[in-house]
Amino acid sequence: MSHRFLLWVAGWVFSANLTQAAAPNFLVIMADDASFHVVDTPETRAEMVAYYAEYEYMDMQVGEILRTLAETGRAQDTLLLFTSEQSGQWPGAKWTNWEAGIHTGMVVRWPGRVARGTSTDALVQYADVLPTFVEAAGGDPGKAGFDGRSFLPVLLGKTTKHRDYVYAMHNNLPGGPSYPIRAVLDARHHYVRNLNPHTLYIEKHVTGRIEHGRYWPSWMWSTATDPHAYAMVQRYLRRPAEELYDLIAGPFELHNLAADPTLADTKRRLSAELDRWMREQRDPGAEVDSVAYRQRHIESVQASLPVQAGKKK
């Protein structure tokens, strides 16, 4: 399995009506996180060593970027946001809607504007990043019709709350057979809906080939004698229609509380909120994760493109 960090450096050049003298430059750095459940085998440890070595390499590259900002005199007026796309390519992390797959770290540096050493529990999601940058540059993100909302007030210490809910989705094609997943989280509880629970979850980059996941056969081999290995493999491959977790009482999400009668109102509320969000996104659910739907979507997009006349000789 080849673990590759993702380093994305992106800049936005705003039109004249958004640019102000005090507007910052924008720098985004992204890298994998590694928060997951693993089975302790020699193969797992070997992969983990390689994975953590990339953390060190990533850290050196971040240092190079910070030095470049200092050397060019832009360190004090650059808003730097460091986050990750998702967690690492391990079972229970990337390509799932579990906490280990969708909860990533975010570090912001903006000297003189964002207080050093502070932290927040405010819920934000990726759709909120661009509106935040627009507002930080002096623009009005409300005029752009973004799905997300600026969390600049959180960064500036003006509030400690941003969203009541954050959302997640996963469609498995072409990574494996259809297995659509949707999820919603509030500040404490995490509701996951597996739309095809009668099928087996297979992600070919994790379980399909040795070069993608050298550790996976060792996990399967260990299931005969290691109860933890069996539980982790079963958890990954076979999932119920609904999952509910208390992220404070059980942050590792090993105990599904969907059938707990004391949390029935919580599950009902989160389920209704997920339904509302899916309607808002015009998400038909399981149908999206199919070859036929994708083909129809491609044909629809192609049909909407302007027809370009051929060049005359």
C-alpha atoms as a PDB file:
ATOM      1  CA  MET A   1       0.000   0.000   0.000  1.00  0.00           C
ATOM      2  CA  SER A   2       1.446   3.328  -1.008  1.00  0.00           C
ATOM      3  CA  HIS A   3       0.532   6.057   1.470  1.00  0.00           C
ATOM      4  CA  ARG A   4       0.917   9.453  -0.180  1.00  0.00           C
ATOM      5  CA  PHE A   5       0.440  12.708   1.630  1.00  0.00           C
ATOM      6  CA  LEU A   6      -1.441  15.395  -0.261  1.00  0.00           C
ATOM      7  CA  LEU A   7       0.093  18.847  -0.181  1.00  0.00           C
ATOM      8  CA  TRP A   8      -2.145  21.400  -1.820  1.00  0.00           C
ATOM      9  CA  VAL A   9      -1.035  24.991  -1.972  1.00  0.00           C
ATOM     10  CA  ALA A  10      -3.719  27.210  -3.461  1.00  0.00           C
ATOM     11  CA  GLY A  11      -4.133  30.923  -3.883  1.00  0.00           C
ATOM     12  CA  TRP A  12      -7.085  33.111  -4.825  1.00  0.00           C
ATOM     13  CA  VAL A  13      -6.779  36.376  -6.724  1.00  0.00           C
ATOM     14  CA  PHE A  14      -9.866  38.432  -5.958  1.00  0.00           C
ATOM     15  CA  SER A  15     -11.416  40.935  -8.288  1.00  0.00           C
ATOM     16  CA  ALA A  16     -10.894  44.619  -7.566  1.00  0.00           C
ATOM     17  CA  ASN A  17     -14.150  45.022  -5.681  1.00  0.00           C
ATOM     18  CA  LEU A  18     -13.019  42.418  -3.121  1.00  0.00           C
ATOM     19  CA  THR A  19      -9.411  43.440  -2.715  1.00  0.00           C
ATOM     20  CA  GLN A  20      -8.545  45.688   0.202  1.00  0.00           C
ATOM     21  CA  ALA A  21      -5.231  47.033   1.397  1.00  0.00           C
ATOM     22  CA  ALA A  22      -5.406  44.873   4.519  1.00  0.00           C
ATOM     23  CA  ALA A  23      -6.669  41.765   2.714  1.00  0.00           C
ATOM     24  CA  PRO A  24      -4.466  38.714   3.404  1.00  0.00           C
ATOM     25  CA  ASN A  25      -2.848  36.285   0.986  1.00  0.00           C
ATOM     26  CA  PHE A  26      -4.269  32.779   1.162  1.00  0.00           C
ATOM     27  CA  LEU A  27      -2.373  29.567   1.653  1.00  0.00           C
ATOM     28  CA  VAL A  28      -3.964  26.142   2.119  1.00  0.00           C
ATOM     29  CA  ILE A  29      -1.919  23.087   3.062  1.00  0.00           C
ATOM     30  CA  MET A  30      -3.588  19.700   3.186  1.00  0.00           C
ATOM     31  CA  ALA A  31      -2.323  16.374   4.482  1.00  0.00           C
ATOM     32  CA  ASP A  32      -3.706  13.057   5.659  1.00  0.00           C
ATOM     33  CA  ASP A  33      -4.696  12.506   9.250  1.00  0.00           C
ATOM     34  CA  ALA A  34      -4.227   9.120  10.966  1.00  0.00           C
ATOM     35  CA  SER A  35      -6.956   8.430  13.457  1.00  0.00           C
ATOM     36  CA  PHE A  36      -8.286   4.912  13.020  1.00  0.00           C
ATOM     37  CA  HIS A  37      -8.727   1.413  14.443  1.00  0.00           C
ATOM     38  CA  VAL A  38      -6.101  -1.131  13.451  1.00  0.00           C
ATOM     39  CA  VAL A  39      -5.189  -4.745  14.174  1.00  0.00           C
ATOM     40  CA  ASP A  40      -1.727  -5.120  15.672  1.00  0.00           C
ATOM     41  CA  THR A  41       0.233  -7.339  13.262  1.00  0.00           C
ATOM     42  CA  PRO A  42       3.820  -7.055  11.970  1.00  0.00           C
ATOM     43  CA  GLU A  43       2.429  -6.032   8.578  1.00  0.00           C
ATOM     44  CA  THR A  44       0.354  -3.283  10.167  1.00  0.00           C
ATOM     45  CA  ARG A  45       3.363  -1.976  12.069  1.00  0.00           C
ATOM     46  CA  ALA A  46       5.488  -1.902   8.917  1.00  0.00           C
ATOM     47  CA  GLU A  47       2.833   0.104   7.085  1.00  0.00           C
ATOM     48  CA  MET A  48       2.419   2.410  10.068  1.00  0.00           C
ATOM     49  CA  VAL A  49       6.136   3.181  10.162  1.00  0.00           C
ATOM     50  CA  ALA A  50       6.037   4.177   6.479  1.00  0.00           C
ATOM     51  CA  TYR A  51       2.917   6.240   7.081  1.00  0.00           C
ATOM     52  CA  TYR A  52       4.427   8.159   9.990  1.00  0.00           C
ATOM     53  CA  ALA A  53       7.609   8.766   7.994  1.00  0.00           C
ATOM     54  CA  GLU A  54       5.469  10.750   5.576  1.00  0.00           C
ATOM     55  CA  TYR A  55       4.301  12.890   8.493  1.00  0.00           C
ATOM     56  CA  GLU A  56       7.910  13.884   9.087  1.00  0.00           C
ATOM     57  CA  TYR A  57       8.417  14.660   5.397  1.00  0.00           C
ATOM     58  CA  MET A  58       5.195  16.659   5.319  1.00  0.00           C
ATOM     59  CA  ASP A  59       6.314  18.609   8.387  1.00  0.00           C
ATOM     60  CA  MET A  60       9.550  19.556   6.648  1.00  0.00           C
ATOM     61  CA  GLN A  61       7.608  20.823   3.632  1.00  0.00           C
ATOM     62  CA  VAL A  62       5.374  22.921   5.855  1.00  0.00           C
ATOM     63  CA  GLY A  63       8.535  24.365   7.382  1.00  0.00           C
ATOM     64  CA  GLU A  64       9.803  25.251   3.907  1.00  0.00           C
ATOM     65  CA  ILE A  65       6.566  27.107   3.141  1.00  0.00           C
ATOM     66  CA  LEU A  66       6.717  29.030   6.418  1.00  0.00           C
ATOM     67  CA  ARG A  67      10.330  29.980   5.722  1.00  0.00           C
ATOM     68  CA  THR A  68       9.377  31.155   2.235  1.00  0.00           C
ATOM     69  CA  LEU A  69       6.655  33.378   3.693  1.00  0.00           C
ATOM     70  CA  ALA A  70       9.140  34.837   6.172  1.00  0.00           C
ATOM     71  CA  GLU A  71      11.824  35.397   3.544  1.00  0.00           C
ATOM     72  CA  THR A  72       9.377  37.170   1.229  1.00  0.00           C
ATOM     73  CA  GLY A  73       8.016  39.374   3.976  1.00  0.00           C
ATOM     74  CA  ARG A  74       4.499  37.922   3.801  1.00  0.00           C
ATOM     75  CA  ALA A  75       4.403  35.882   7.010  1.00  0.00           C
ATOM     76  CA  GLN A  76       2.515  38.544   8.965  1.00  0.00           C
ATOM     77  CA  ASP A  77      -0.210  39.227   6.414  1.00  0.00           C
ATOM     78  CA  THR A  78      -0.932  35.681   5.212  1.00  0.00           C
ATOM     79  CA  LEU A  79      -3.900  33.707   6.514  1.00  0.00           C
ATOM     80  CA  LEU A  80      -2.659  30.128   6.610  1.00  0.00           C
ATOM     81  CA  LEU A  81      -5.099  27.244   7.038  1.00  0.00           C
ATOM     82  CA  PHE A  82      -3.749  23.728   7.567  1.00  0.00           C
ATOM     83  CA  THR A  83      -6.157  20.796   7.334  1.00  0.00           C
ATOM     84  CA  SER A  84      -6.532  17.377   5.726  1.00  0.00           C
ATOM     85  CA  GLU A  85      -8.733  15.924   3.031  1.00  0.00           C
ATOM     86  CA  GLN A  86      -9.764  12.982   5.204  1.00  0.00           C
ATOM     87  CA  SER A  87      -8.093  10.424   7.416  1.00  0.00           C
ATOM     88  CA  GLY A  88      -5.555   7.831   6.282  1.00  0.00           C
ATOM     89  CA  GLN A  89      -6.163   4.987   3.866  1.00  0.00           C
ATOM     90  CA  TRP A  90      -6.973   2.446   6.565  1.00  0.00           C
ATOM     91  CA  PRO A  91     -10.093   0.361   7.269  1.00  0.00           C
ATOM     92  CA  GLY A  92     -12.532   2.467   9.264  1.00  0.00           C
ATOM     93  CA  ALA A  93     -10.996   5.764   8.151  1.00  0.00           C
ATOM     94  CA  LYS A  94     -10.785   6.994   4.552  1.00  0.00           C
ATOM     95  CA  TRP A  95     -13.795   6.045   2.385  1.00  0.00           C
ATOM     96  CA  THR A  96     -16.093   5.777   5.388  1.00  0.00           C
ATOM     97  CA  ASN A  97     -18.473   8.151   7.167  1.00  0.00           C
ATOM     98  CA  TRP A  98     -17.196   7.184  10.598  1.00  0.00           C
ATOM     99  CA  GLU A  99     -15.580   9.783  12.822  1.00  0.00           C
ATOM    100  CA  ALA A 100     -12.072   8.534  12.032  1.00  0.00           C
ATOM    101  CA  GLY A 101     -12.732   9.109   8.340  1.00  0.00           C
ATOM    102  CA  ILE A 102     -14.391  12.518   8.316  1.00  0.00           C
ATOM    103  CA  HIS A 103     -13.169  14.354  11.428  1.00  0.00           C
ATOM    104  CA  THR A 104      -9.942  16.119  10.562  1.00  0.00           C
ATOM    105  CA  GLY A 105      -7.756  18.626  12.274  1.00  0.00           C
ATOM    106  CA  MET A 106      -7.631  22.279  11.271  1.00  0.00           C
ATOM    107  CA  VAL A 107      -4.959  24.779  12.282  1.00  0.00           C
ATOM    108  CA  VAL A 108      -5.184  28.469  11.367  1.00  0.00           C
ATOM    109  CA  ARG A 109      -2.393  31.040  11.545  1.00  0.00           C
ATOM    110  CA  TRP A 110      -3.044  34.743  10.968  1.00  0.00           C
ATOM    111  CA  PRO A 111      -0.693  36.900  13.057  1.00  0.00           C
ATOM    112  CA  GLY A 112      -2.391  39.741  14.842  1.00  0.00           C
ATOM    113  CA  ARG A 113      -5.877  38.486  13.962  1.00  0.00           C
ATOM    114  CA  VAL A 114      -6.184  34.894  15.209  1.00  0.00           C
ATOM    115  CA  ALA A 115      -5.067  34.519  18.832  1.00  0.00           C
ATOM    116  CA  ARG A 116      -2.192  32.095  19.369  1.00  0.00           C
ATOM    117  CA  GLY A 117      -2.752  28.972  21.464  1.00  0.00           C
ATOM    118  CA  THR A 118      -6.552  29.085  21.290  1.00  0.00           C
ATOM    119  CA  SER A 119      -8.907  26.301  20.247  1.00  0.00           C
ATOM    120  CA  THR A 120     -12.601  25.875  19.505  1.00  0.00           C
ATOM    121  CA  ASP A 121     -15.199  23.119  19.335  1.00  0.00           C
ATOM    122  CA  ALA A 122     -17.167  24.932  16.630  1.00  0.00           C
ATOM    123  CA  LEU A 123     -18.446  22.633  13.880  1.00  0.00           C
ATOM    124  CA  VAL A 124     -17.194  23.554  10.412  1.00  0.00           C
ATOM    125  CA  GLN A 125     -16.931  21.721   7.097  1.00  0.00           C
ATOM    126  CA  TYR A 126     -15.021  22.173   3.864  1.00  0.00           C
ATOM    127  CA  ALA A 127     -17.823  24.094   2.193  1.00  0.00           C
ATOM    128  CA  ASP A 128     -17.193  26.829   4.774  1.00  0.00           C
ATOM    129  CA  VAL A 129     -13.539  27.426   3.873  1.00  0.00           C
ATOM    130  CA  LEU A 130     -13.980  29.497   0.707  1.00  0.00           C
ATOM    131  CA  PRO A 131     -16.672  31.777   2.207  1.00  0.00           C
ATOM    132  CA  THR A 132     -14.319  32.334   5.153  1.00  0.00           C
ATOM    133  CA  PHE A 133     -11.511  33.401   2.834  1.00  0.00           C
ATOM    134  CA  VAL A 134     -13.837  35.688   0.894  1.00  0.00           C
ATOM    135  CA  GLU A 135     -14.937  37.453   4.073  1.00  0.00           C
ATOM    136  CA  ALA A 136     -11.355  37.665   5.343  1.00  0.00           C
ATOM    137  CA  ALA A 137     -10.466  39.465   2.104  1.00  0.00           C
ATOM    138  CA  GLY A 138     -13.222  41.996   2.679  1.00  0.00           C
ATOM    139  CA  GLY A 139     -15.843  40.434   0.432  1.00  0.00           C
ATOM    140  CA  ASP A 140     -19.422  39.425   1.123  1.00  0.00           C
ATOM    141  CA  PRO A 141     -19.756  35.630   0.787  1.00  0.00           C
ATOM    142  CA  GLY A 142     -23.519  35.914   1.223  1.00  0.00           C
ATOM    143  CA  LYS A 143     -23.821  37.304  -2.293  1.00  0.00           C
ATOM    144  CA  ALA A 144     -22.138  34.334  -3.956  1.00  0.00           C
ATOM    145  CA  GLY A 145     -24.673  31.606  -3.195  1.00  0.00           C
ATOM    146  CA  PHE A 146     -22.173  29.292  -1.478  1.00  0.00           C
ATOM    147  CA  ASP A 147     -23.414  26.158   0.261  1.00  0.00           C
ATOM    148  CA  GLY A 148     -21.040  26.962   3.103  1.00  0.00           C
ATOM    149  CA  ARG A 149     -20.872  29.874   5.530  1.00  0.00           C
ATOM    150  CA  SER A 150     -17.914  31.885   6.727  1.00  0.00           C
ATOM    151  CA  PHE A 151     -16.501  30.922  10.123  1.00  0.00           C
ATOM    152  CA  LEU A 152     -14.324  34.034  10.299  1.00  0.00           C
ATOM    153  CA  PRO A 153     -16.124  35.202  13.497  1.00  0.00           C
ATOM    154  CA  VAL A 154     -14.977  31.957  15.157  1.00  0.00           C
ATOM    155  CA  LEU A 155     -11.373  32.554  14.085  1.00  0.00           C
ATOM    156  CA  LEU A 156     -11.463  36.117  15.393  1.00  0.00           C
ATOM    157  CA  GLY A 157     -12.820  34.966  18.767  1.00  0.00           C
ATOM    158  CA  LYS A 158     -16.179  36.685  18.381  1.00  0.00           C
ATOM    159  CA  THR A 159     -18.178  33.452  18.816  1.00  0.00           C
ATOM    160  CA  THR A 160     -17.607  29.839  19.802  1.00  0.00           C
ATOM    161  CA  LYS A 161     -20.351  28.324  17.655  1.00  0.00           C
ATOM    162  CA  HIS A 162     -20.765  28.043  13.909  1.00  0.00           C
ATOM    163  CA  ARG A 163     -23.019  25.159  12.829  1.00  0.00           C
ATOM    164  CA  ASP A 164     -25.602  23.000  14.564  1.00  0.00           C
ATOM    165  CA  TYR A 165     -24.897  20.115  12.183  1.00  0.00           C
ATOM    166  CA  VAL A 166     -22.261  18.914   9.735  1.00  0.00           C
ATOM    167  CA  TYR A 167     -22.868  16.317   7.012  1.00  0.00           C
ATOM    168  CA  ALA A 168     -21.013  13.568   5.205  1.00  0.00           C
ATOM    169  CA  MET A 169     -21.586  11.239   2.285  1.00  0.00           C
ATOM    170  CA  HIS A 170     -19.800   8.409   0.513  1.00  0.00           C
ATOM    171  CA  ASN A 171     -20.591   6.756  -2.806  1.00  0.00           C
ATOM    172  CA  ASN A 172     -18.443   3.684  -3.346  1.00  0.00           C
ATOM    173  CA  LEU A 173     -18.225   3.488  -7.144  1.00  0.00           C
ATOM    174  CA  PRO A 174     -15.675   3.068  -8.700  1.00  0.00           C
ATOM    175  CA  GLY A 175     -13.799   2.050  -5.538  1.00  0.00           C
ATOM    176  CA  GLY A 176     -15.937  -1.068  -5.207  1.00  0.00           C
ATOM    177  CA  PRO A 177     -19.514  -2.290  -5.471  1.00  0.00           C
ATOM    178  CA  SER A 178     -22.286   0.199  -4.751  1.00  0.00           C
ATOM    179  CA  TYR A 179     -22.403   1.106  -1.074  1.00  0.00           C
ATOM    180  CA  PRO A 180     -23.813   4.620  -0.511  1.00  0.00           C
ATOM    181  CA  ILE A 181     -23.506   6.123   2.972  1.00  0.00           C
ATOM    182  CA  ARG A 182     -24.878   9.353   4.446  1.00  0.00           C
ATOM    183  CA  ALA A 183     -24.249  10.880   7.865  1.00  0.00           C
ATOM    184  CA  VAL A 184     -24.988  13.864  10.068  1.00  0.00           C
ATOM    185  CA  LEU A 185     -23.331  15.006  13.295  1.00  0.00           C
ATOM    186  CA  ASP A 186     -24.104  17.540  15.972  1.00  0.00           C
ATOM    187  CA  ALA A 187     -21.796  18.560  18.785  1.00  0.00           C
ATOM    188  CA  ARG A 188     -22.177  15.180  20.513  1.00  0.00           C
ATOM    189  CA  HIS A 189     -23.944  12.539  18.430  1.00  0.00           C
ATOM    190  CA  HIS A 190     -23.138  10.956  15.082  1.00  0.00           C
ATOM    191  CA  TYR A 191     -25.867   9.334  12.963  1.00  0.00           C
ATOM    192  CA  VAL A 192     -24.856   7.134  10.008  1.00  0.00           C
ATOM    193  CA  ARG A 193     -27.256   5.695   7.431  1.00  0.00           C
ATOM    194  CA  ASN A 194     -26.045   2.843   5.236  1.00  0.00           C
ATOM    195  CA  LEU A 195     -28.377   2.824   2.243  1.00  0.00           C
ATOM    196  CA  ASN A 196     -27.519  -0.704   1.054  1.00  0.00           C
ATOM    197  CA  PRO A 197     -26.969  -2.538   4.367  1.00  0.00           C
ATOM    198  CA  HIS A 198     -27.884  -5.917   2.883  1.00  0.00           C
ATOM    199  CA  THR A 199     -24.712  -5.923   0.795  1.00  0.00           C
ATOM    200  CA  LEU A 200     -21.051  -6.394   1.689  1.00  0.00           C
ATOM    201  CA  TYR A 201     -18.866  -3.296   1.899  1.00  0.00           C
ATOM    202  CA  ILE A 202     -15.786  -3.686  -0.302  1.00  0.00           C
ATOM    203  CA  GLU A 203     -13.260  -0.950  -1.009  1.00  0.00           C
ATOM    204  CA  LYS A 204     -10.756  -2.350  -3.490  1.00  0.00           C
ATOM    205  CA  HIS A 205      -7.931  -0.026  -2.438  1.00  0.00           C
ATOM    206  CA  VAL A 206      -8.108  -1.471   1.077  1.00  0.00           C
ATOM    207  CA  THR A 207      -9.006  -5.134   0.539  1.00  0.00           C
ATOM    208  CA  GLY A 208      -8.436  -5.727  -3.166  1.00  0.00           C
ATOM    209  CA  ARG A 209      -4.704  -5.953  -3.820  1.00  0.00           C
ATOM    210  CA  ILE A 210      -1.592  -6.613  -1.763  1.00  0.00           C
ATOM    211  CA  GLU A 211       0.181  -3.538  -3.089  1.00  0.00           C
ATOM    212  CA  HIS A 212      -2.670  -1.363  -1.789  1.00  0.00           C
ATOM    213  CA  GLY A 213      -3.031  -2.973   1.623  1.00  0.00           C
ATOM    214  CA  ARG A 214      -0.299  -5.400   2.617  1.00  0.00           C
ATOM    215  CA  TYR A 215      -1.670  -5.535   6.135  1.00  0.00           C
ATOM    216  CA  TRP A 216      -5.248  -6.622   5.227  1.00  0.00           C
ATOM    217  CA  PRO A 217      -4.475 -10.358   4.704  1.00  0.00           C
ATOM    218  CA  SER A 218      -2.794 -10.371   8.119  1.00  0.00           C
ATOM    219  CA  TRP A 219      -5.976  -8.976   9.654  1.00  0.00           C
ATOM    220  CA  MET A 220      -8.077 -11.671   7.982  1.00  0.00           C
ATOM    221  CA  TRP A 221      -5.603 -14.357   9.064  1.00  0.00           C
ATOM    222  CA  SER A 222      -5.782 -13.159  12.668  1.00  0.00           C
ATOM    223  CA  THR A 223      -9.588 -13.377  12.890  1.00  0.00           C
ATOM    224  CA  ALA A 224      -9.448 -17.062  13.861  1.00  0.00           C
ATOM    225  CA  THR A 225      -7.618 -16.365  17.121  1.00  0.00           C
ATOM    226  CA  ASP A 226      -7.882 -12.623  17.774  1.00  0.00           C
ATOM    227  CA  PRO A 227     -11.355 -11.358  18.806  1.00  0.00           C
ATOM    228  CA  HIS A 228     -10.337  -7.748  18.146  1.00  0.00           C
ATOM    229  CA  ALA A 229      -9.228  -8.614  14.615  1.00  0.00           C
ATOM    230  CA  TYR A 230     -12.525 -10.381  13.971  1.00  0.00           C
ATOM    231  CA  ALA A 231     -14.502  -7.429  15.337  1.00  0.00           C
ATOM    232  CA  MET A 232     -12.597  -4.897  13.186  1.00  0.00           C
ATOM    233  CA  VAL A 233     -12.963  -6.973  10.012  1.00  0.00           C
ATOM    234  CA  GLN A 234     -16.643  -7.597  10.648  1.00  0.00           C
ATOM    235  CA  ARG A 235     -17.241  -3.928  11.469  1.00  0.00           C
ATOM    236  CA  TYR A 236     -15.649  -2.900   8.189  1.00  0.00           C
ATOM    237  CA  LEU A 237     -17.355  -5.403   5.891  1.00  0.00           C
ATOM    238  CA  ARG A 238     -20.861  -5.740   7.361  1.00  0.00           C
ATOM    239  CA  ARG A 239     -22.825  -2.713   8.555  1.00  0.00           C
ATOM    240  CA  PRO A 240     -26.373  -2.148   9.816  1.00  0.00           C
ATOM    241  CA  ALA A 241     -28.920   0.175   8.219  1.00  0.00           C
ATOM    242  CA  GLU A 242     -28.467   2.764  10.980  1.00  0.00           C
ATOM    243  CA  GLU A 243     -25.657   3.622  13.351  1.00  0.00           C
ATOM    244  CA  LEU A 244     -25.675   6.081  16.228  1.00  0.00           C
ATOM    245  CA  TYR A 245     -22.723   7.025  18.379  1.00  0.00           C
ATOM    246  CA  ASP A 246     -22.131   9.231  21.406  1.00  0.00           C
ATOM    247  CA  LEU A 247     -18.835  10.933  20.589  1.00  0.00           C
ATOM    248  CA  ILE A 248     -18.264  11.985  24.186  1.00  0.00           C
ATOM    249  CA  ALA A 249     -19.062   8.708  25.926  1.00  0.00           C
ATOM    250  CA  GLY A 250     -17.621   6.529  23.143  1.00  0.00           C
ATOM    251  CA  PRO A 251     -15.355   8.521  20.808  1.00  0.00           C
ATOM    252  CA  PHE A 252     -14.015   5.385  19.104  1.00  0.00           C
ATOM    253  CA  GLU A 253     -17.511   4.432  17.883  1.00  0.00           C
ATOM    254  CA  LEU A 254     -17.253   0.761  18.787  1.00  0.00           C
ATOM    255  CA  HIS A 255     -20.785   0.498  20.220  1.00  0.00           C
ATOM    256  CA  ASN A 256     -23.743   1.213  17.977  1.00  0.00           C
ATOM    257  CA  LEU A 257     -26.483   2.949  20.016  1.00  0.00           C
ATOM    258  CA  ALA A 258     -29.122   3.054  17.274  1.00  0.00           C
ATOM    259  CA  ALA A 259     -31.363   0.641  19.199  1.00  0.00           C
ATOM    260  CA  ASP A 260     -30.906   2.375  22.566  1.00  0.00           C
ATOM    261  CA  PRO A 261     -34.405   3.526  23.664  1.00  0.00           C
ATOM    262  CA  THR A 262     -32.943   6.377  25.720  1.00  0.00           C
ATOM    263  CA  LEU A 263     -31.556   7.886  22.495  1.00  0.00           C
ATOM    264  CA  ALA A 264     -34.656   7.374  20.368  1.00  0.00           C
ATOM    265  CA  ASP A 265     -35.448  11.104  20.250  1.00  0.00           C
ATOM    266  CA  THR A 266     -31.845  11.903  19.331  1.00  0.00           C
ATOM    267  CA  LYS A 267     -31.863   9.365  16.510  1.00  0.00           C
ATOM    268  CA  ARG A 268     -35.218  10.642  15.252  1.00  0.00           C
ATOM    269  CA  ARG A 269     -33.989  14.242  15.257  1.00  0.00           C
ATOM    270  CA  LEU A 270     -30.748  13.446  13.431  1.00  0.00           C
ATOM    271  CA  SER A 271     -32.523  11.195  10.932  1.00  0.00           C
ATOM    272  CA  ALA A 272     -34.978  13.994  10.117  1.00  0.00           C
ATOM    273  CA  GLU A 273     -32.125  16.473   9.715  1.00  0.00           C
ATOM    274  CA  LEU A 274     -30.328  14.113   7.348  1.00  0.00           C
ATOM    275  CA  ASP A 275     -33.515  13.754   5.295  1.00  0.00           C
ATOM    276  CA  ARG A 276     -33.812  17.535   5.119  1.00  0.00           C
ATOM    277  CA  TRP A 277     -30.215  17.967   3.986  1.00  0.00           C
ATOM    278  CA  MET A 278     -30.536  15.277   1.323  1.00  0.00           C
ATOM    279  CA  ARG A 279     -33.618  17.014  -0.073  1.00  0.00           C
ATOM    280  CA  GLU A 280     -31.769  20.319  -0.046  1.00  0.00           C
ATOM    281  CA  GLN A 281     -28.881  18.739  -1.967  1.00  0.00           C
ATOM    282  CA  ARG A 282     -31.331  16.971  -4.311  1.00  0.00           C
ATOM    283  CA  ASP A 283     -29.731  13.696  -3.294  1.00  0.00           C
ATOM    284  CA  PRO A 284     -31.919  10.726  -4.329  1.00  0.00           C
ATOM    285  CA  GLY A 285     -29.914   8.378  -2.120  1.00  0.00           C
ATOM    286  CA  ALA A 286     -28.807   4.906  -3.180  1.00  0.00           C
ATOM    287  CA  GLU A 287     -29.608   5.574  -6.821  1.00  0.00           C
ATOM    288  CA  VAL A 288     -26.648   7.947  -7.058  1.00  0.00           C
ATOM    289  CA  ASP A 289     -24.176   5.146  -6.422  1.00  0.00           C
ATOM    290  CA  SER A 290     -24.921   3.238  -9.639  1.00  0.00           C
ATOM    291  CA  VAL A 291     -23.360   3.000 -13.073  1.00  0.00           C
ATOM    292  CA  ALA A 292     -26.685   3.860 -14.743  1.00  0.00           C
ATOM    293  CA  TYR A 293     -27.126   7.062 -12.706  1.00  0.00           C
ATOM    294  CA  ARG A 294     -23.577   8.182 -13.400  1.00  0.00           C
ATOM    295  CA  GLN A 295     -23.996   7.596 -17.105  1.00  0.00           C
ATOM    296  CA  ARG A 296     -27.220   9.593 -17.157  1.00  0.00           C
ATOM    297  CA  HIS A 297     -25.497  12.391 -15.283  1.00  0.00           C
ATOM    298  CA  ILE A 298     -22.593  12.454 -17.740  1.00  0.00           C
ATOM    299  CA  GLU A 299     -24.980  12.550 -20.696  1.00  0.00           C
ATOM    300  CA  SER A 300     -26.989  15.338 -19.067  1.00  0.00           C
ATOM    301  CA  VAL A 301     -23.866  17.444 -18.486  1.00  0.00           C
ATOM    302  CA  GLN A 302     -22.643  16.857 -22.003  1.00  0.00           C
ATOM    303  CA  ALA A 303     -26.023  17.846 -23.433  1.00  0.00           C
ATOM    304  CA  SER A 304     -25.965  21.110 -21.466  1.00  0.00           C
ATOM    305  CA  LEU A 305     -22.586  22.194 -22.874  1.00  0.00           C
ATOM    306  CA  PRO A 306     -22.630  24.751 -25.682  1.00  0.00           C
ATOM    307  CA  VAL A 307     -22.047  23.290 -29.117  1.00  0.00           C
ATOM    308  CA  GLN A 308     -18.898  24.642 -30.726  1.00  0.00           C
ATOM    309  CA  ALA A 309     -18.978  25.076 -34.447  1.00  0.00           C
ATOM    310  CA  GLY A 310     -16.208  23.401 -36.398  1.00  0.00           C
ATOM    311  CA  LYS A 311     -13.435  25.491 -37.838  1.00  0.00           C
ATOM    312  CA  LYS A 312     -13.690  26.246 -41.527  1.00  0.00           C
ATOM    313  CA  LYS A 313     -10.705  25.585 -43.691  1.00  0.00           C
END
